[in-house]
Amino acid sequence: MPALVVWERLIVGGDDLRLVSAIVLLIRLVQIGMIIYILYHVVNFDHKPEVFVLTDCIRHEDRFWVWYKAAIAGCSVTLFYGVIGAFIEMAIFNVSGRGTPTEREARRRLVPLFKFNMVRA
């Protein structure tokens, strides 16, 4: 079975990618679900910075809003990153199921997907 050539030969062939991409897609979906859960609770949290000042988590109340906005920005970026990764894995899953490993024309989009996936990671 011919191996997939991205920049150099890989260990796996084109038909081995369906299982791997399905597992990675499931992990991405769990990641997306956890980030949505965290983001929901950060946004709907009872925002009283006095508690954080009294427990010495932060020194001033105005610093709370900086950390709050940083948490929302970090969760949003992670959510965006996870959604892009999930779409890439779905595309790899779909393209790797076309044709046979020896039919390079049917799977010609795998190489650009893998290059994008490697650069993104």
PDB file of N, CA and C in Angstrom:
ATOM      1  N   MET A   1       0.855  -1.171   0.000  1.00  0.00           N
ATOM      2  CA  MET A   1       0.000   0.000   0.000  1.00  0.00           C
ATOM      3  C   MET A   1       0.904   1.237   0.000  1.00  0.00           C
ATOM      4  N   PRO A   2       0.684   2.182  -0.892  1.00  0.00           N
ATOM      5  CA  PRO A   2       1.548   3.368  -0.938  1.00  0.00           C
ATOM      6  C   PRO A   2       1.272   4.294   0.241  1.00  0.00           C
ATOM      7  N   ALA A   3       2.359   4.880   0.734  1.00  0.00           N
ATOM      8  CA  ALA A   3       2.242   5.814   1.852  1.00  0.00           C
ATOM      9  C   ALA A   3       1.880   7.196   1.329  1.00  0.00           C
ATOM     10  N   LEU A   4       1.324   7.985   2.205  1.00  0.00           N
ATOM     11  CA  LEU A   4       0.968   9.359   1.866  1.00  0.00           C
ATOM     12  C   LEU A   4       2.228  10.218   1.914  1.00  0.00           C
ATOM     13  N   VAL A   5       2.436  11.055   0.900  1.00  0.00           N
ATOM     14  CA  VAL A   5       3.613  11.916   0.839  1.00  0.00           C
ATOM     15  C   VAL A   5       3.154  13.356   1.032  1.00  0.00           C
ATOM     16  N   VAL A   6       3.528  13.940   2.172  1.00  0.00           N
ATOM     17  CA  VAL A   6       3.199  15.337   2.423  1.00  0.00           C
ATOM     18  C   VAL A   6       4.430  16.164   2.097  1.00  0.00           C
ATOM     19  N   TRP A   7       5.420  16.203   2.995  1.00  0.00           N
ATOM     20  CA  TRP A   7       6.724  16.775   2.657  1.00  0.00           C
ATOM     21  C   TRP A   7       7.702  15.636   2.439  1.00  0.00           C
ATOM     22  N   GLU A   8       7.491  14.552   3.162  1.00  0.00           N
ATOM     23  CA  GLU A   8       8.220  13.306   2.963  1.00  0.00           C
ATOM     24  C   GLU A   8       7.242  12.181   3.261  1.00  0.00           C
ATOM     25  N   ARG A   9       7.646  10.949   3.019  1.00  0.00           N
ATOM     26  CA  ARG A   9       6.730   9.826   3.212  1.00  0.00           C
ATOM     27  C   ARG A   9       6.296   9.701   4.669  1.00  0.00           C
ATOM     28  N   LEU A  10       5.006   9.440   4.857  1.00  0.00           N
ATOM     29  CA  LEU A  10       4.466   9.201   6.189  1.00  0.00           C
ATOM     30  C   LEU A  10       4.346   7.703   6.424  1.00  0.00           C
ATOM     31  N   ILE A  11       4.113   7.329   7.660  1.00  0.00           N
ATOM     32  CA  ILE A  11       3.970   5.917   8.005  1.00  0.00           C
ATOM     33  C   ILE A  11       2.630   5.378   7.512  1.00  0.00           C
ATOM     34  N   VAL A  12       1.615   6.217   7.472  1.00  0.00           N
ATOM     35  CA  VAL A  12       0.258   5.772   7.146  1.00  0.00           C
ATOM     36  C   VAL A  12      -0.045   5.993   5.668  1.00  0.00           C
ATOM     37  N   GLY A  13      -0.963   5.193   5.169  1.00  0.00           N
ATOM     38  CA  GLY A  13      -1.479   5.374   3.823  1.00  0.00           C
ATOM     39  C   GLY A  13      -2.784   6.154   3.892  1.00  0.00           C
ATOM     40  N   GLY A  14      -3.355   6.451   2.739  1.00  0.00           N
ATOM     41  CA  GLY A  14      -4.567   7.253   2.685  1.00  0.00           C
ATOM     42  C   GLY A  14      -5.772   6.592   3.319  1.00  0.00           C
ATOM     43  N   ASP A  15      -5.850   5.261   3.261  1.00  0.00           N
ATOM     44  CA  ASP A  15      -7.034   4.603   3.810  1.00  0.00           C
ATOM     45  C   ASP A  15      -6.943   4.404   5.321  1.00  0.00           C
ATOM     46  N   ASP A  16      -5.766   4.602   5.908  1.00  0.00           N
ATOM     47  CA  ASP A  16      -5.617   4.505   7.357  1.00  0.00           C
ATOM     48  C   ASP A  16      -6.107   5.760   8.067  1.00  0.00           C
ATOM     49  N   LEU A  17      -6.369   6.794   7.338  1.00  0.00           N
ATOM     50  CA  LEU A  17      -6.667   8.090   7.943  1.00  0.00           C
ATOM     51  C   LEU A  17      -8.091   8.211   8.470  1.00  0.00           C
ATOM     52  N   ARG A  18      -8.986   7.386   8.005  1.00  0.00           N
ATOM     53  CA  ARG A  18     -10.379   7.511   8.448  1.00  0.00           C
ATOM     54  C   ARG A  18     -10.517   7.251   9.948  1.00  0.00           C
ATOM     55  N   LEU A  19      -9.876   6.226  10.436  1.00  0.00           N
ATOM     56  CA  LEU A  19      -9.958   5.919  11.867  1.00  0.00           C
ATOM     57  C   LEU A  19      -9.279   7.001  12.696  1.00  0.00           C
ATOM     58  N   VAL A  20      -8.101   7.412  12.274  1.00  0.00           N
ATOM     59  CA  VAL A  20      -7.362   8.441  13.012  1.00  0.00           C
ATOM     60  C   VAL A  20      -8.127   9.759  13.013  1.00  0.00           C
ATOM     61  N   SER A  21      -8.648  10.169  11.868  1.00  0.00           N
ATOM     62  CA  SER A  21      -9.380  11.436  11.812  1.00  0.00           C
ATOM     63  C   SER A  21     -10.696  11.358  12.585  1.00  0.00           C
ATOM     64  N   ALA A  22     -11.330  10.180  12.627  1.00  0.00           N
ATOM     65  CA  ALA A  22     -12.550  10.037  13.419  1.00  0.00           C
ATOM     66  C   ALA A  22     -12.246  10.179  14.907  1.00  0.00           C
ATOM     67  N   ILE A  23     -11.143   9.607  15.362  1.00  0.00           N
ATOM     68  CA  ILE A  23     -10.760   9.732  16.772  1.00  0.00           C
ATOM     69  C   ILE A  23     -10.412  11.182  17.107  1.00  0.00           C
ATOM     70  N   VAL A  24      -9.639  11.830  16.236  1.00  0.00           N
ATOM     71  CA  VAL A  24      -9.271  13.232  16.471  1.00  0.00           C
ATOM     72  C   VAL A  24     -10.519  14.118  16.425  1.00  0.00           C
ATOM     73  N   LEU A  25     -11.459  13.816  15.548  1.00  0.00           N
ATOM     74  CA  LEU A  25     -12.702  14.586  15.481  1.00  0.00           C
ATOM     75  C   LEU A  25     -13.494  14.445  16.780  1.00  0.00           C
ATOM     76  N   LEU A  26     -13.564  13.246  17.333  1.00  0.00           N
ATOM     77  CA  LEU A  26     -14.254  13.058  18.611  1.00  0.00           C
ATOM     78  C   LEU A  26     -13.574  13.854  19.728  1.00  0.00           C
ATOM     79  N   ILE A  27     -12.245  13.856  19.719  1.00  0.00           N
ATOM     80  CA  ILE A  27     -11.515  14.639  20.726  1.00  0.00           C
ATOM     81  C   ILE A  27     -11.800  16.129  20.540  1.00  0.00           C
ATOM     82  N   ARG A  28     -11.828  16.591  19.291  1.00  0.00           N
ATOM     83  CA  ARG A  28     -12.142  18.004  19.022  1.00  0.00           C
ATOM     84  C   ARG A  28     -13.543  18.360  19.496  1.00  0.00           C
ATOM     85  N   LEU A  29     -14.505  17.464  19.275  1.00  0.00           N
ATOM     86  CA  LEU A  29     -15.870  17.744  19.704  1.00  0.00           C
ATOM     87  C   LEU A  29     -15.977  17.808  21.227  1.00  0.00           C
ATOM     88  N   VAL A  30     -15.233  16.965  21.928  1.00  0.00           N
ATOM     89  CA  VAL A  30     -15.194  17.033  23.389  1.00  0.00           C
ATOM     90  C   VAL A  30     -14.566  18.355  23.816  1.00  0.00           C
ATOM     91  N   GLN A  31     -13.486  18.755  23.141  1.00  0.00           N
ATOM     92  CA  GLN A  31     -12.839  20.031  23.443  1.00  0.00           C
ATOM     93  C   GLN A  31     -13.797  21.198  23.227  1.00  0.00           C
ATOM     94  N   ILE A  32     -14.516  21.188  22.125  1.00  0.00           N
ATOM     95  CA  ILE A  32     -15.473  22.257  21.828  1.00  0.00           C
ATOM     96  C   ILE A  32     -16.573  22.295  22.891  1.00  0.00           C
ATOM     97  N   GLY A  33     -17.076  21.129  23.262  1.00  0.00           N
ATOM     98  CA  GLY A  33     -18.109  21.064  24.292  1.00  0.00           C
ATOM     99  C   GLY A  33     -17.633  21.601  25.633  1.00  0.00           C
ATOM    100  N   MET A  34     -16.403  21.276  26.015  1.00  0.00           N
ATOM    101  CA  MET A  34     -15.867  21.762  27.285  1.00  0.00           C
ATOM    102  C   MET A  34     -15.650  23.274  27.255  1.00  0.00           C
ATOM    103  N   ILE A  35     -15.166  23.786  26.138  1.00  0.00           N
ATOM    104  CA  ILE A  35     -14.948  25.222  26.037  1.00  0.00           C
ATOM    105  C   ILE A  35     -16.276  25.982  26.057  1.00  0.00           C
ATOM    106  N   ILE A  36     -17.290  25.448  25.387  1.00  0.00           N
ATOM    107  CA  ILE A  36     -18.611  26.092  25.421  1.00  0.00           C
ATOM    108  C   ILE A  36     -19.151  26.096  26.851  1.00  0.00           C
ATOM    109  N   TYR A  37     -18.966  25.003  27.563  1.00  0.00           N
ATOM    110  CA  TYR A  37     -19.414  24.914  28.957  1.00  0.00           C
ATOM    111  C   TYR A  37     -18.697  25.948  29.827  1.00  0.00           C
ATOM    112  N   ILE A  38     -17.385  26.042  29.683  1.00  0.00           N
ATOM    113  CA  ILE A  38     -16.599  27.008  30.464  1.00  0.00           C
ATOM    114  C   ILE A  38     -16.983  28.436  30.091  1.00  0.00           C
ATOM    115  N   LEU A  39     -17.103  28.711  28.807  1.00  0.00           N
ATOM    116  CA  LEU A  39     -17.453  30.054  28.351  1.00  0.00           C
ATOM    117  C   LEU A  39     -18.838  30.460  28.842  1.00  0.00           C
ATOM    118  N   TYR A  40     -19.761  29.525  28.829  1.00  0.00           N
ATOM    119  CA  TYR A  40     -21.113  29.803  29.333  1.00  0.00           C
ATOM    120  C   TYR A  40     -21.072  30.213  30.802  1.00  0.00           C
ATOM    121  N   HIS A  41     -20.293  29.471  31.600  1.00  0.00           N
ATOM    122  CA  HIS A  41     -20.248  29.771  33.030  1.00  0.00           C
ATOM    123  C   HIS A  41     -19.432  31.022  33.340  1.00  0.00           C
ATOM    124  N   VAL A  42     -18.442  31.333  32.533  1.00  0.00           N
ATOM    125  CA  VAL A  42     -17.696  32.584  32.741  1.00  0.00           C
ATOM    126  C   VAL A  42     -18.597  33.773  32.446  1.00  0.00           C
ATOM    127  N   VAL A  43     -19.371  33.694  31.375  1.00  0.00           N
ATOM    128  CA  VAL A  43     -20.245  34.812  31.010  1.00  0.00           C
ATOM    129  C   VAL A  43     -21.387  34.963  32.015  1.00  0.00           C
ATOM    130  N   ASN A  44     -21.936  33.861  32.493  1.00  0.00           N
ATOM    131  CA  ASN A  44     -23.089  33.923  33.390  1.00  0.00           C
ATOM    132  C   ASN A  44     -22.706  33.919  34.872  1.00  0.00           C
ATOM    133  N   PHE A  45     -21.455  34.108  35.178  1.00  0.00           N
ATOM    134  CA  PHE A  45     -20.971  34.138  36.553  1.00  0.00           C
ATOM    135  C   PHE A  45     -21.441  35.418  37.244  1.00  0.00           C
ATOM    136  N   ASP A  46     -21.723  35.320  38.554  1.00  0.00           N
ATOM    137  CA  ASP A  46     -22.114  36.494  39.338  1.00  0.00           C
ATOM    138  C   ASP A  46     -20.854  37.337  39.570  1.00  0.00           C
ATOM    139  N   HIS A  47     -20.753  38.449  38.876  1.00  0.00           N
ATOM    140  CA  HIS A  47     -19.526  39.242  38.840  1.00  0.00           C
ATOM    141  C   HIS A  47     -19.433  40.186  40.032  1.00  0.00           C
ATOM    142  N   LYS A  48     -18.829  39.704  41.103  1.00  0.00           N
ATOM    143  CA  LYS A  48     -18.573  40.522  42.274  1.00  0.00           C
ATOM    144  C   LYS A  48     -17.079  40.474  42.570  1.00  0.00           C
ATOM    145  N   PRO A  49     -16.331  41.460  42.103  1.00  0.00           N
ATOM    146  CA  PRO A  49     -14.883  41.430  42.293  1.00  0.00           C
ATOM    147  C   PRO A  49     -14.442  41.571  43.749  1.00  0.00           C
ATOM    148  N   GLU A  50     -15.334  42.009  44.628  1.00  0.00           N
ATOM    149  CA  GLU A  50     -14.962  42.177  46.030  1.00  0.00           C
ATOM    150  C   GLU A  50     -14.511  40.859  46.653  1.00  0.00           C
ATOM    151  N   VAL A  51     -15.148  39.769  46.259  1.00  0.00           N
ATOM    152  CA  VAL A  51     -14.798  38.452  46.796  1.00  0.00           C
ATOM    153  C   VAL A  51     -13.357  38.094  46.431  1.00  0.00           C
ATOM    154  N   PHE A  52     -12.950  38.394  45.208  1.00  0.00           N
ATOM    155  CA  PHE A  52     -11.602  38.089  44.763  1.00  0.00           C
ATOM    156  C   PHE A  52     -10.566  38.983  45.446  1.00  0.00           C
ATOM    157  N   VAL A  53     -10.955  40.200  45.778  1.00  0.00           N
ATOM    158  CA  VAL A  53     -10.052  41.100  46.500  1.00  0.00           C
ATOM    159  C   VAL A  53      -9.896  40.627  47.941  1.00  0.00           C
ATOM    160  N   LEU A  54     -10.995  40.228  48.570  1.00  0.00           N
ATOM    161  CA  LEU A  54     -10.939  39.759  49.961  1.00  0.00           C
ATOM    162  C   LEU A  54     -10.137  38.473  50.115  1.00  0.00           C
ATOM    163  N   THR A  55     -10.175  37.610  49.118  1.00  0.00           N
ATOM    164  CA  THR A  55      -9.426  36.349  49.183  1.00  0.00           C
ATOM    165  C   THR A  55      -8.014  36.480  48.621  1.00  0.00           C
ATOM    166  N   ASP A  56      -7.590  37.689  48.287  1.00  0.00           N
ATOM    167  CA  ASP A  56      -6.246  37.998  47.771  1.00  0.00           C
ATOM    168  C   ASP A  56      -5.942  37.322  46.437  1.00  0.00           C
ATOM    169  N   CYS A  57      -6.960  37.045  45.660  1.00  0.00           N
ATOM    170  CA  CYS A  57      -6.727  36.554  44.300  1.00  0.00           C
ATOM    171  C   CYS A  57      -6.247  37.688  43.393  1.00  0.00           C
ATOM    172  N   ILE A  58      -6.821  38.856  43.605  1.00  0.00           N
ATOM    173  CA  ILE A  58      -6.398  40.062  42.881  1.00  0.00           C
ATOM    174  C   ILE A  58      -6.254  41.192  43.892  1.00  0.00           C
ATOM    175  N   ARG A  59      -5.477  42.221  43.533  1.00  0.00           N
ATOM    176  CA  ARG A  59      -5.231  43.318  44.479  1.00  0.00           C
ATOM    177  C   ARG A  59      -6.276  44.416  44.387  1.00  0.00           C
ATOM    178  N   HIS A  60      -6.714  44.711  43.166  1.00  0.00           N
ATOM    179  CA  HIS A  60      -7.672  45.799  42.977  1.00  0.00           C
ATOM    180  C   HIS A  60      -8.874  45.285  42.202  1.00  0.00           C
ATOM    181  N   GLU A  61     -10.021  45.870  42.450  1.00  0.00           N
ATOM    182  CA  GLU A  61     -11.248  45.447  41.776  1.00  0.00           C
ATOM    183  C   GLU A  61     -11.203  45.675  40.272  1.00  0.00           C
ATOM    184  N   ASP A  62     -10.507  46.717  39.846  1.00  0.00           N
ATOM    185  CA  ASP A  62     -10.467  46.986  38.404  1.00  0.00           C
ATOM    186  C   ASP A  62      -9.674  45.925  37.645  1.00  0.00           C
ATOM    187  N   ARG A  63      -8.776  45.219  38.326  1.00  0.00           N
ATOM    188  CA  ARG A  63      -8.016  44.137  37.678  1.00  0.00           C
ATOM    189  C   ARG A  63      -8.911  42.938  37.359  1.00  0.00           C
ATOM    190  N   PHE A  64     -10.030  42.807  38.085  1.00  0.00           N
ATOM    191  CA  PHE A  64     -10.954  41.695  37.831  1.00  0.00           C
ATOM    192  C   PHE A  64     -11.465  41.725  36.399  1.00  0.00           C
ATOM    193  N   TRP A  65     -11.796  42.897  35.922  1.00  0.00           N
ATOM    194  CA  TRP A  65     -12.373  43.001  34.586  1.00  0.00           C
ATOM    195  C   TRP A  65     -11.339  42.708  33.508  1.00  0.00           C
ATOM    196  N   VAL A  66     -10.084  42.986  33.790  1.00  0.00           N
ATOM    197  CA  VAL A  66      -9.017  42.620  32.843  1.00  0.00           C
ATOM    198  C   VAL A  66      -8.933  41.104  32.734  1.00  0.00           C
ATOM    199  N   TRP A  67      -8.937  40.410  33.872  1.00  0.00           N
ATOM    200  CA  TRP A  67      -8.885  38.948  33.866  1.00  0.00           C
ATOM    201  C   TRP A  67     -10.160  38.346  33.265  1.00  0.00           C
ATOM    202  N   TYR A  68     -11.279  38.980  33.531  1.00  0.00           N
ATOM    203  CA  TYR A  68     -12.550  38.505  32.969  1.00  0.00           C
ATOM    204  C   TYR A  68     -12.524  38.573  31.447  1.00  0.00           C
ATOM    205  N   LYS A  69     -12.095  39.715  30.910  1.00  0.00           N
ATOM    206  CA  LYS A  69     -12.029  39.864  29.448  1.00  0.00           C
ATOM    207  C   LYS A  69     -10.973  38.952  28.852  1.00  0.00           C
ATOM    208  N   ALA A  70      -9.866  38.739  29.558  1.00  0.00           N
ATOM    209  CA  ALA A  70      -8.825  37.828  29.070  1.00  0.00           C
ATOM    210  C   ALA A  70      -9.341  36.384  29.033  1.00  0.00           C
ATOM    211  N   ALA A  71     -10.132  36.013  30.035  1.00  0.00           N
ATOM    212  CA  ALA A  71     -10.695  34.657  30.057  1.00  0.00           C
ATOM    213  C   ALA A  71     -11.673  34.455  28.906  1.00  0.00           C
ATOM    214  N   ILE A  72     -12.505  35.450  28.648  1.00  0.00           N
ATOM    215  CA  ILE A  72     -13.457  35.339  27.536  1.00  0.00           C
ATOM    216  C   ILE A  72     -12.710  35.302  26.199  1.00  0.00           C
ATOM    217  N   ALA A  73     -11.685  36.128  26.050  1.00  0.00           N
ATOM    218  CA  ALA A  73     -10.914  36.144  24.805  1.00  0.00           C
ATOM    219  C   ALA A  73     -10.190  34.814  24.603  1.00  0.00           C
ATOM    220  N   GLY A  74      -9.587  34.277  25.657  1.00  0.00           N
ATOM    221  CA  GLY A  74      -8.890  32.996  25.549  1.00  0.00           C
ATOM    222  C   GLY A  74      -9.822  31.860  25.200  1.00  0.00           C
ATOM    223  N   CYS A  75     -10.990  31.818  25.827  1.00  0.00           N
ATOM    224  CA  CYS A  75     -11.974  30.771  25.519  1.00  0.00           C
ATOM    225  C   CYS A  75     -12.500  30.923  24.096  1.00  0.00           C
ATOM    226  N   SER A  76     -12.700  32.148  23.645  1.00  0.00           N
ATOM    227  CA  SER A  76     -13.200  32.368  22.288  1.00  0.00           C
ATOM    228  C   SER A  76     -12.188  31.938  21.241  1.00  0.00           C
ATOM    229  N   VAL A  77     -10.918  32.256  21.471  1.00  0.00           N
ATOM    230  CA  VAL A  77      -9.870  31.844  20.535  1.00  0.00           C
ATOM    231  C   VAL A  77      -9.750  30.325  20.512  1.00  0.00           C
ATOM    232  N   THR A  78      -9.809  29.692  21.674  1.00  0.00           N
ATOM    233  CA  THR A  78      -9.735  28.232  21.745  1.00  0.00           C
ATOM    234  C   THR A  78     -10.937  27.589  21.061  1.00  0.00           C
ATOM    235  N   LEU A  79     -12.109  28.175  21.226  1.00  0.00           N
ATOM    236  CA  LEU A  79     -13.307  27.667  20.554  1.00  0.00           C
ATOM    237  C   LEU A  79     -13.174  27.782  19.044  1.00  0.00           C
ATOM    238  N   PHE A  80     -12.694  28.913  18.564  1.00  0.00           N
ATOM    239  CA  PHE A  80     -12.492  29.111  17.123  1.00  0.00           C
ATOM    240  C   PHE A  80     -11.471  28.105  16.585  1.00  0.00           C
ATOM    241  N   TYR A  81     -10.378  27.913  17.310  1.00  0.00           N
ATOM    242  CA  TYR A  81      -9.334  26.958  16.929  1.00  0.00           C
ATOM    243  C   TYR A  81      -9.901  25.536  16.874  1.00  0.00           C
ATOM    244  N   GLY A  82     -10.723  25.178  17.848  1.00  0.00           N
ATOM    245  CA  GLY A  82     -11.321  23.843  17.870  1.00  0.00           C
ATOM    246  C   GLY A  82     -12.299  23.619  16.733  1.00  0.00           C
ATOM    247  N   VAL A  83     -13.095  24.629  16.396  1.00  0.00           N
ATOM    248  CA  VAL A  83     -14.058  24.500  15.301  1.00  0.00           C
ATOM    249  C   VAL A  83     -13.325  24.349  13.964  1.00  0.00           C
ATOM    250  N   ILE A  84     -12.263  25.142  13.754  1.00  0.00           N
ATOM    251  CA  ILE A  84     -11.476  25.012  12.526  1.00  0.00           C
ATOM    252  C   ILE A  84     -10.862  23.617  12.451  1.00  0.00           C
ATOM    253  N   GLY A  85     -10.322  23.131  13.570  1.00  0.00           N
ATOM    254  CA  GLY A  85      -9.752  21.784  13.605  1.00  0.00           C
ATOM    255  C   GLY A  85     -10.777  20.703  13.315  1.00  0.00           C
ATOM    256  N   ALA A  86     -11.993  20.872  13.824  1.00  0.00           N
ATOM    257  CA  ALA A  86     -13.056  19.891  13.562  1.00  0.00           C
ATOM    258  C   ALA A  86     -13.430  19.870  12.083  1.00  0.00           C
ATOM    259  N   PHE A  87     -13.502  21.052  11.456  1.00  0.00           N
ATOM    260  CA  PHE A  87     -13.801  21.091  10.020  1.00  0.00           C
ATOM    261  C   PHE A  87     -12.692  20.444   9.201  1.00  0.00           C
ATOM    262  N   ILE A  88     -11.447  20.653   9.593  1.00  0.00           N
ATOM    263  CA  ILE A  88     -10.331  20.025   8.873  1.00  0.00           C
ATOM    264  C   ILE A  88     -10.392  18.512   9.015  1.00  0.00           C
ATOM    265  N   GLU A  89     -10.681  18.026  10.213  1.00  0.00           N
ATOM    266  CA  GLU A  89     -10.769  16.573  10.419  1.00  0.00           C
ATOM    267  C   GLU A  89     -11.929  15.965   9.635  1.00  0.00           C
ATOM    268  N   MET A  90     -13.050  16.684   9.546  1.00  0.00           N
ATOM    269  CA  MET A  90     -14.167  16.178   8.736  1.00  0.00           C
ATOM    270  C   MET A  90     -13.774  16.121   7.263  1.00  0.00           C
ATOM    271  N   ALA A  91     -13.036  17.120   6.800  1.00  0.00           N
ATOM    272  CA  ALA A  91     -12.587  17.114   5.407  1.00  0.00           C
ATOM    273  C   ALA A  91     -11.612  15.977   5.165  1.00  0.00           C
ATOM    274  N   ILE A  92     -10.680  15.736   6.095  1.00  0.00           N
ATOM    275  CA  ILE A  92      -9.732  14.624   5.945  1.00  0.00           C
ATOM    276  C   ILE A  92     -10.483  13.299   5.945  1.00  0.00           C
ATOM    277  N   PHE A  93     -11.471  13.164   6.814  1.00  0.00           N
ATOM    278  CA  PHE A  93     -12.268  11.938   6.860  1.00  0.00           C
ATOM    279  C   PHE A  93     -12.979  11.704   5.532  1.00  0.00           C
ATOM    280  N   ASN A  94     -13.578  12.749   4.969  1.00  0.00           N
ATOM    281  CA  ASN A  94     -14.310  12.599   3.709  1.00  0.00           C
ATOM    282  C   ASN A  94     -13.390  12.301   2.532  1.00  0.00           C
ATOM    283  N   VAL A  95     -12.285  13.027   2.436  1.00  0.00           N
ATOM    284  CA  VAL A  95     -11.391  12.853   1.285  1.00  0.00           C
ATOM    285  C   VAL A  95     -10.664  11.519   1.358  1.00  0.00           C
ATOM    286  N   SER A  96     -10.296  11.071   2.560  1.00  0.00           N
ATOM    287  CA  SER A  96      -9.559   9.813   2.665  1.00  0.00           C
ATOM    288  C   SER A  96     -10.423   8.602   2.342  1.00  0.00           C
ATOM    289  N   GLY A  97     -11.729   8.755   2.297  1.00  0.00           N
ATOM    290  CA  GLY A  97     -12.605   7.648   1.947  1.00  0.00           C
ATOM    291  C   GLY A  97     -12.878   7.521   0.467  1.00  0.00           C
ATOM    292  N   ARG A  98     -12.374   8.436  -0.311  1.00  0.00           N
ATOM    293  CA  ARG A  98     -12.596   8.389  -1.756  1.00  0.00           C
ATOM    294  C   ARG A  98     -11.601   7.450  -2.425  1.00  0.00           C
ATOM    295  N   GLY A  99     -12.081   6.705  -3.379  1.00  0.00           N
ATOM    296  CA  GLY A  99     -11.209   5.870  -4.206  1.00  0.00           C
ATOM    297  C   GLY A  99     -10.444   4.835  -3.402  1.00  0.00           C
ATOM    298  N   THR A 100      -9.275   4.468  -3.910  1.00  0.00           N
ATOM    299  CA  THR A 100      -8.386   3.523  -3.242  1.00  0.00           C
ATOM    300  C   THR A 100      -7.042   4.212  -3.036  1.00  0.00           C
ATOM    301  N   PRO A 101      -6.162   3.644  -2.209  1.00  0.00           N
ATOM    302  CA  PRO A 101      -4.872   4.296  -1.977  1.00  0.00           C
ATOM    303  C   PRO A 101      -4.024   4.461  -3.238  1.00  0.00           C
ATOM    304  N   THR A 102      -4.232   3.610  -4.224  1.00  0.00           N
ATOM    305  CA  THR A 102      -3.434   3.738  -5.448  1.00  0.00           C
ATOM    306  C   THR A 102      -4.004   4.771  -6.408  1.00  0.00           C
ATOM    307  N   GLU A 103      -5.249   5.170  -6.211  1.00  0.00           N
ATOM    308  CA  GLU A 103      -5.861   6.209  -7.047  1.00  0.00           C
ATOM    309  C   GLU A 103      -5.525   7.574  -6.455  1.00  0.00           C
ATOM    310  N   ARG A 104      -4.454   8.148  -6.910  1.00  0.00           N
ATOM    311  CA  ARG A 104      -3.982   9.416  -6.341  1.00  0.00           C
ATOM    312  C   ARG A 104      -4.890  10.592  -6.708  1.00  0.00           C
ATOM    313  N   GLU A 105      -5.571  10.519  -7.812  1.00  0.00           N
ATOM    314  CA  GLU A 105      -6.419  11.637  -8.256  1.00  0.00           C
ATOM    315  C   GLU A 105      -7.610  11.848  -7.313  1.00  0.00           C
ATOM    316  N   ALA A 106      -8.193  10.768  -6.818  1.00  0.00           N
ATOM    317  CA  ALA A 106      -9.355  10.890  -5.932  1.00  0.00           C
ATOM    318  C   ALA A 106      -8.978  11.493  -4.582  1.00  0.00           C
ATOM    319  N   ARG A 107      -7.719  11.290  -4.163  1.00  0.00           N
ATOM    320  CA  ARG A 107      -7.290  11.758  -2.843  1.00  0.00           C
ATOM    321  C   ARG A 107      -6.274  12.891  -2.934  1.00  0.00           C
ATOM    322  N   ARG A 108      -6.281  13.618  -4.020  1.00  0.00           N
ATOM    323  CA  ARG A 108      -5.277  14.664  -4.220  1.00  0.00           C
ATOM    324  C   ARG A 108      -5.415  15.825  -3.231  1.00  0.00           C
ATOM    325  N   ARG A 109      -6.571  15.974  -2.609  1.00  0.00           N
ATOM    326  CA  ARG A 109      -6.767  17.073  -1.646  1.00  0.00           C
ATOM    327  C   ARG A 109      -6.242  16.754  -0.254  1.00  0.00           C
ATOM    328  N   LEU A 110      -5.803  15.523  -0.023  1.00  0.00           N
ATOM    329  CA  LEU A 110      -5.278  15.175   1.293  1.00  0.00           C
ATOM    330  C   LEU A 110      -3.988  15.924   1.616  1.00  0.00           C
ATOM    331  N   VAL A 111      -3.114  16.054   0.638  1.00  0.00           N
ATOM    332  CA  VAL A 111      -1.829  16.699   0.887  1.00  0.00           C
ATOM    333  C   VAL A 111      -2.005  18.161   1.301  1.00  0.00           C
ATOM    334  N   PRO A 112      -2.805  18.988   0.595  1.00  0.00           N
ATOM    335  CA  PRO A 112      -3.000  20.363   1.084  1.00  0.00           C
ATOM    336  C   PRO A 112      -3.678  20.426   2.460  1.00  0.00           C
ATOM    337  N   LEU A 113      -4.605  19.498   2.725  1.00  0.00           N
ATOM    338  CA  LEU A 113      -5.239  19.473   4.042  1.00  0.00           C
ATOM    339  C   LEU A 113      -4.226  19.167   5.139  1.00  0.00           C
ATOM    340  N   PHE A 114      -3.351  18.207   4.881  1.00  0.00           N
ATOM    341  CA  PHE A 114      -2.343  17.867   5.872  1.00  0.00           C
ATOM    342  C   PHE A 114      -1.334  18.987   6.063  1.00  0.00           C
ATOM    343  N   LYS A 115      -0.958  19.643   4.980  1.00  0.00           N
ATOM    344  CA  LYS A 115      -0.023  20.767   5.111  1.00  0.00           C
ATOM    345  C   LYS A 115      -0.648  21.890   5.927  1.00  0.00           C
ATOM    346  N   PHE A 116      -1.912  22.191   5.682  1.00  0.00           N
ATOM    347  CA  PHE A 116      -2.603  23.216   6.461  1.00  0.00           C
ATOM    348  C   PHE A 116      -2.726  22.787   7.914  1.00  0.00           C
ATOM    349  N   ASN A 117      -3.039  21.526   8.147  1.00  0.00           N
ATOM    350  CA  ASN A 117      -3.196  21.009   9.499  1.00  0.00           C
ATOM    351  C   ASN A 117      -1.870  21.060  10.256  1.00  0.00           C
ATOM    352  N   MET A 118      -0.777  20.765   9.585  1.00  0.00           N
ATOM    353  CA  MET A 118       0.540  20.808  10.233  1.00  0.00           C
ATOM    354  C   MET A 118       0.968  22.239  10.535  1.00  0.00           C
ATOM    355  N   VAL A 119       0.685  23.159   9.640  1.00  0.00           N
ATOM    356  CA  VAL A 119       1.043  24.563   9.865  1.00  0.00           C
ATOM    357  C   VAL A 119       0.184  25.164  10.966  1.00  0.00           C
ATOM    358  N   ARG A 120      -1.103  24.776  11.009  1.00  0.00           N
ATOM    359  CA  ARG A 120      -2.030  25.312  12.010  1.00  0.00           C
ATOM    360  C   ARG A 120      -1.659  24.824  13.395  1.00  0.00           C
ATOM    361  N   ALA A 121      -1.191  23.604  13.508  1.00  0.00           N
ATOM    362  CA  ALA A 121      -0.840  23.045  14.823  1.00  0.00           C
ATOM    363  C   ALA A 121       0.490  23.556  15.232  1.00  0.00           C
TER     364      ALA A 121
END
